[in-house]
Structures are given as structure tokens and as C-alpha cells.
Amino acid sequence: MTKATFLQFAMLPLMLVPMSYPVYMGVMEAYMNGVPLAFLKFNRGAEAEADYLGIQYMYKAGYDPNSFVTFFEKVEADEKKHPGTIPKIFSTHPPTPDRIEATQKEIAVLLPTREDYIVTTSEFDVVKKRLAAIEAGQKVTDKKSAKDKPTLRKKTETPTTTTGTDNTGDQNPDDDRPVLKRRPD
């Protein structure tokens, strides 16, 4: 957004340049069509940087960064089965084969191999089971009791009286809503 704003400010002097209407329309068409295409490069660069940082975060968290490559191989296989209608020049992400290749190079160069990685966690297993149930069209039910789940309480109107606060001006401890307090001076 910042780059787009700067580019819009850069267009302001063009408004002051005397030009004929056809020239003005040509400049505006070039601006309206060329700028979005130029910004796709920035989007693809940001995605490549996100991939680069993502594998480092995975590695530092104890996960196998090669699973990142496996994910993109699945995406690539799906793209081959169902090719998109948008040409690659208009894509906001780098091509998947390029992402796979770049990630494999970064893993080989940056990250030393470990003997063992985190393969799964109990939370991940719960999420996988829920997703499998949703895909199978089954109703997903939680095993938690109603008292363990968050609930939405409606705000009730209470008359404000001096009995609702103590001598420091704080609210009753019975009310569990958060209260901002000043630090002691």
C-alpha cells in the first residue's frame, strides 16, 4: 500500500503537464494497467520471502522443513489436475515449481539436518480428526462440557450507585470484566 501511495503521489506532477486529451488518456491507460502488473513483482517477492522465513520458523520450532516442500508438491499436483484460468504473468505468487526448487536449495544451504523432528502433536491430531469428519459430512461434536466452553453473555443494564465500587473507584470483584487500572505513582 505504501508503494502504491508513493506512485500515486508521483503521478501528481503529470496533471500539471499540458498535454492533449489523447496523450492524457494514453498516459492514464498505461498507469491504470502498468502499475498493477508492476506491483505483482512485489507481491511475488514478498511471497518468496515468506517462504524463506517460513522454513526457518518451522526448523526452529522443531518441525521438518522438508514437509514444506511436500506441501508444495501436493499443491503442484493439484494445479496440474485443475489448471487455473489466470495466466502466470498475473499471478500474485511465484510459480509452484520455482517455490519448491528455491525451498530445497535454502534447506540444503541454511539448515543442518536433525536426527528427529516433531511429527505430530495432540492438538494437530484433534484438528485432523475434525477436518476428516467435516469432509465426510459428519456432525462435529466436542467432548468438552458446556462449562468448559466460552459463552457469550449479554450486557445487562445495572443502575450505577456508589455501592458498586469500593473506595479506590474499582468495580466490584464479583464482576469479572477486565478493568484498566492506573499504575501507582
Protein backbone atom coordinates (compact mmCIF):
# COMPACT_ATOMS: atom_id res chain seq x y z
CA MET A 1 0.00 0.00 0.00
CA THR A 2 2.85 2.36 0.78
CA LYS A 3 4.43 1.79 -2.62
CA ALA A 4 1.08 2.37 -4.34
CA THR A 5 0.59 5.61 -2.43
CA PHE A 6 4.05 6.87 -3.37
CA LEU A 7 3.35 6.03 -7.00
CA GLN A 8 0.08 7.96 -6.86
CA PHE A 9 1.96 10.99 -5.50
CA ALA A 10 4.47 10.60 -8.32
CA MET A 11 1.60 10.90 -10.80
CA LEU A 12 0.53 14.32 -9.43
CA PRO A 13 3.05 16.35 -11.48
CA LEU A 14 1.71 14.74 -14.65
CA MET A 15 -1.59 16.51 -14.03
CA LEU A 16 0.18 19.85 -14.37
CA VAL A 17 1.91 18.98 -17.65
CA PRO A 18 -0.05 20.42 -20.58
CA MET A 19 -0.98 17.63 -22.97
CA SER A 20 -3.70 16.82 -25.40
CA TYR A 21 -6.63 14.65 -24.42
CA PRO A 22 -5.44 11.57 -26.41
CA VAL A 23 -1.98 11.79 -24.81
CA TYR A 24 -3.60 12.18 -21.37
CA MET A 25 -5.77 9.10 -21.98
CA GLY A 26 -2.73 7.12 -23.14
CA VAL A 27 -0.79 8.05 -20.02
CA MET A 28 -3.74 7.16 -17.79
CA GLU A 29 -4.24 3.78 -19.51
CA ALA A 30 -0.55 2.99 -19.11
CA TYR A 31 -0.78 3.97 -15.45
CA MET A 32 -4.00 2.02 -14.79
CA ASN A 33 -2.74 -1.16 -16.48
CA GLY A 34 1.01 -0.99 -15.94
CA VAL A 35 1.10 -0.20 -12.23
CA PRO A 36 -0.85 -3.29 -11.09
CA LEU A 37 1.36 -5.51 -13.24
CA ALA A 38 4.47 -3.89 -11.77
CA PHE A 39 3.20 -4.48 -8.24
CA LEU A 40 2.72 -8.19 -8.91
CA LYS A 41 6.50 -8.43 -8.84
CA PHE A 42 6.50 -7.03 -5.31
CA ASN A 43 3.78 -9.50 -4.25
CA ARG A 44 5.76 -12.44 -5.63
CA GLY A 45 8.89 -11.17 -3.89
CA ALA A 46 7.02 -10.91 -0.59
CA GLU A 47 5.70 -14.47 -1.01
CA ALA A 48 9.22 -15.75 -1.72
CA GLU A 49 10.46 -14.01 1.42
CA ALA A 50 7.58 -15.52 3.42
CA ASP A 51 8.58 -18.98 2.18
CA TYR A 52 12.18 -18.31 3.18
CA LEU A 53 11.21 -17.20 6.68
CA GLY A 54 8.60 -19.95 7.00
CA ILE A 55 11.12 -22.76 6.61
CA GLN A 56 13.36 -21.13 9.20
CA TYR A 57 10.47 -20.83 11.67
CA MET A 58 9.50 -24.45 11.05
CA TYR A 59 13.04 -25.60 11.66
CA LYS A 60 13.47 -23.54 14.84
CA ALA A 61 10.12 -24.81 16.16
CA GLY A 62 11.36 -28.38 15.70
CA TYR A 63 9.40 -29.31 12.57
CA ASP A 64 10.88 -30.86 9.44
CA PRO A 65 11.26 -28.11 6.82
CA ASN A 66 11.07 -30.76 4.09
CA SER A 67 7.35 -31.05 4.86
CA PHE A 68 7.13 -27.54 3.42
CA VAL A 69 8.41 -28.97 0.14
CA THR A 70 5.97 -31.89 0.40
CA PHE A 71 3.10 -29.43 0.80
CA PHE A 72 4.09 -27.54 -2.34
CA GLU A 73 4.48 -30.80 -4.26
CA LYS A 74 0.85 -31.58 -3.37
CA VAL A 75 -0.17 -28.09 -4.48
CA GLU A 76 1.68 -28.58 -7.76
CA ALA A 77 -0.04 -31.93 -8.36
CA ASP A 78 -3.41 -30.31 -7.69
CA GLU A 79 -2.57 -27.44 -10.06
CA LYS A 80 -1.81 -29.97 -12.79
CA LYS A 81 -5.16 -31.70 -12.23
CA HIS A 82 -7.10 -28.42 -12.16
CA PRO A 83 -5.16 -25.78 -14.11
CA GLY A 84 -6.19 -22.21 -13.42
CA THR A 85 -7.51 -19.80 -15.98
CA ILE A 86 -5.30 -16.91 -14.89
CA PRO A 87 -2.05 -16.59 -16.85
CA LYS A 88 1.15 -16.86 -14.81
CA ILE A 89 2.07 -13.23 -15.55
CA PHE A 90 -0.93 -12.11 -13.48
CA SER A 91 -0.21 -14.47 -10.59
CA THR A 92 0.42 -12.91 -7.20
CA HIS A 93 2.54 -15.88 -6.08
CA PRO A 94 5.73 -17.30 -7.57
CA PRO A 95 5.20 -20.42 -9.71
CA THR A 96 4.97 -23.51 -7.51
CA PRO A 97 7.87 -25.40 -9.18
CA ASP A 98 10.09 -22.36 -8.54
CA ARG A 99 8.98 -22.28 -4.90
CA ILE A 100 9.82 -25.97 -4.49
CA GLU A 101 13.25 -25.54 -6.06
CA ALA A 102 14.08 -22.42 -4.03
CA THR A 103 12.93 -24.04 -0.79
CA GLN A 104 15.01 -27.17 -1.42
CA LYS A 105 18.10 -25.03 -2.07
CA GLU A 106 17.52 -22.95 1.06
CA ILE A 107 17.05 -26.06 3.21
CA ALA A 108 20.26 -27.60 1.84
CA VAL A 109 22.29 -24.42 2.35
CA LEU A 110 20.85 -22.91 5.53
CA LEU A 111 19.53 -25.66 7.76
CA PRO A 112 21.58 -28.54 9.12
CA THR A 113 19.72 -31.84 9.34
CA ARG A 114 18.46 -33.03 12.69
CA GLU A 115 18.08 -36.58 13.89
CA ASP A 116 14.44 -36.19 14.79
CA TYR A 117 11.71 -33.65 14.18
CA ILE A 118 8.30 -33.09 15.69
CA VAL A 119 6.00 -35.22 13.58
CA THR A 120 2.68 -34.58 15.25
CA THR A 121 1.11 -33.15 18.37
CA SER A 122 -2.10 -33.98 20.18
CA GLU A 123 -3.65 -30.67 19.06
CA PHE A 124 -2.77 -31.46 15.45
CA ASP A 125 -4.36 -34.90 15.73
CA VAL A 126 -7.57 -33.34 17.07
CA VAL A 127 -7.68 -30.86 14.19
CA LYS A 128 -7.07 -33.64 11.64
CA LYS A 129 -9.95 -35.69 13.09
CA ARG A 130 -12.27 -32.69 13.00
CA LEU A 131 -11.37 -31.91 9.39
CA ALA A 132 -11.85 -35.55 8.37
CA ALA A 133 -15.29 -35.53 10.00
CA ILE A 134 -16.23 -32.30 8.24
CA GLU A 135 -15.09 -33.64 4.86
CA ALA A 136 -17.09 -36.83 5.46
CA GLY A 137 -20.18 -34.73 6.13
CA GLN A 138 -20.42 -35.80 9.74
CA LYS A 139 -21.56 -33.52 12.50
CA VAL A 140 -18.61 -32.38 14.58
CA THR A 141 -19.23 -32.57 18.29
CA ASP A 142 -16.91 -31.52 21.03
CA LYS A 143 -16.29 -33.72 24.01
CA LYS A 144 -15.93 -30.70 26.29
CA SER A 145 -18.71 -29.98 28.69
CA ALA A 146 -20.70 -26.78 28.37
CA LYS A 147 -18.98 -25.26 31.39
CA ASP A 148 -15.56 -25.56 29.69
CA LYS A 149 -16.66 -23.73 26.55
CA PRO A 150 -16.70 -19.97 26.20
CA THR A 151 -20.13 -18.40 26.28
CA LEU A 152 -21.47 -15.10 25.11
CA ARG A 153 -23.05 -13.10 27.87
CA LYS A 154 -25.41 -10.26 27.16
CA LYS A 155 -24.69 -6.95 28.75
CA THR A 156 -27.20 -6.20 31.46
CA GLU A 157 -28.06 -2.70 32.45
CA THR A 158 -27.42 -2.04 36.13
CA PRO A 159 -28.03 1.25 37.87
CA THR A 160 -24.79 2.92 38.86
CA THR A 161 -24.60 3.52 42.55
CA THR A 162 -21.81 4.15 44.96
CA THR A 163 -22.34 0.69 46.45
CA GLY A 164 -20.99 -0.89 43.25
CA THR A 165 -17.49 0.44 43.80
CA ASP A 166 -15.07 0.37 46.66
CA ASN A 167 -13.16 3.35 48.00
CA THR A 168 -10.49 3.15 45.25
CA GLY A 169 -13.08 3.53 42.50
CA ASP A 170 -12.60 -0.05 41.28
CA GLN A 171 -15.55 -2.20 40.27
CA ASN A 172 -16.94 -4.99 42.38
CA PRO A 173 -14.75 -8.11 42.36
CA ASP A 174 -17.94 -10.06 41.52
CA ASP A 175 -17.93 -8.56 38.04
CA ASP A 176 -15.33 -10.50 36.02
CA ARG A 177 -14.94 -7.98 33.23
CA PRO A 178 -11.40 -6.61 32.79
CA VAL A 179 -10.76 -3.22 34.35
CA LEU A 180 -7.96 -0.87 33.40
CA LYS A 181 -6.12 0.44 36.45
CA ARG A 182 -3.54 3.15 36.68
CA ARG A 183 -0.11 2.29 37.96
CA PRO A 184 0.69 3.66 41.41
CA ASP A 185 2.76 6.82 41.14
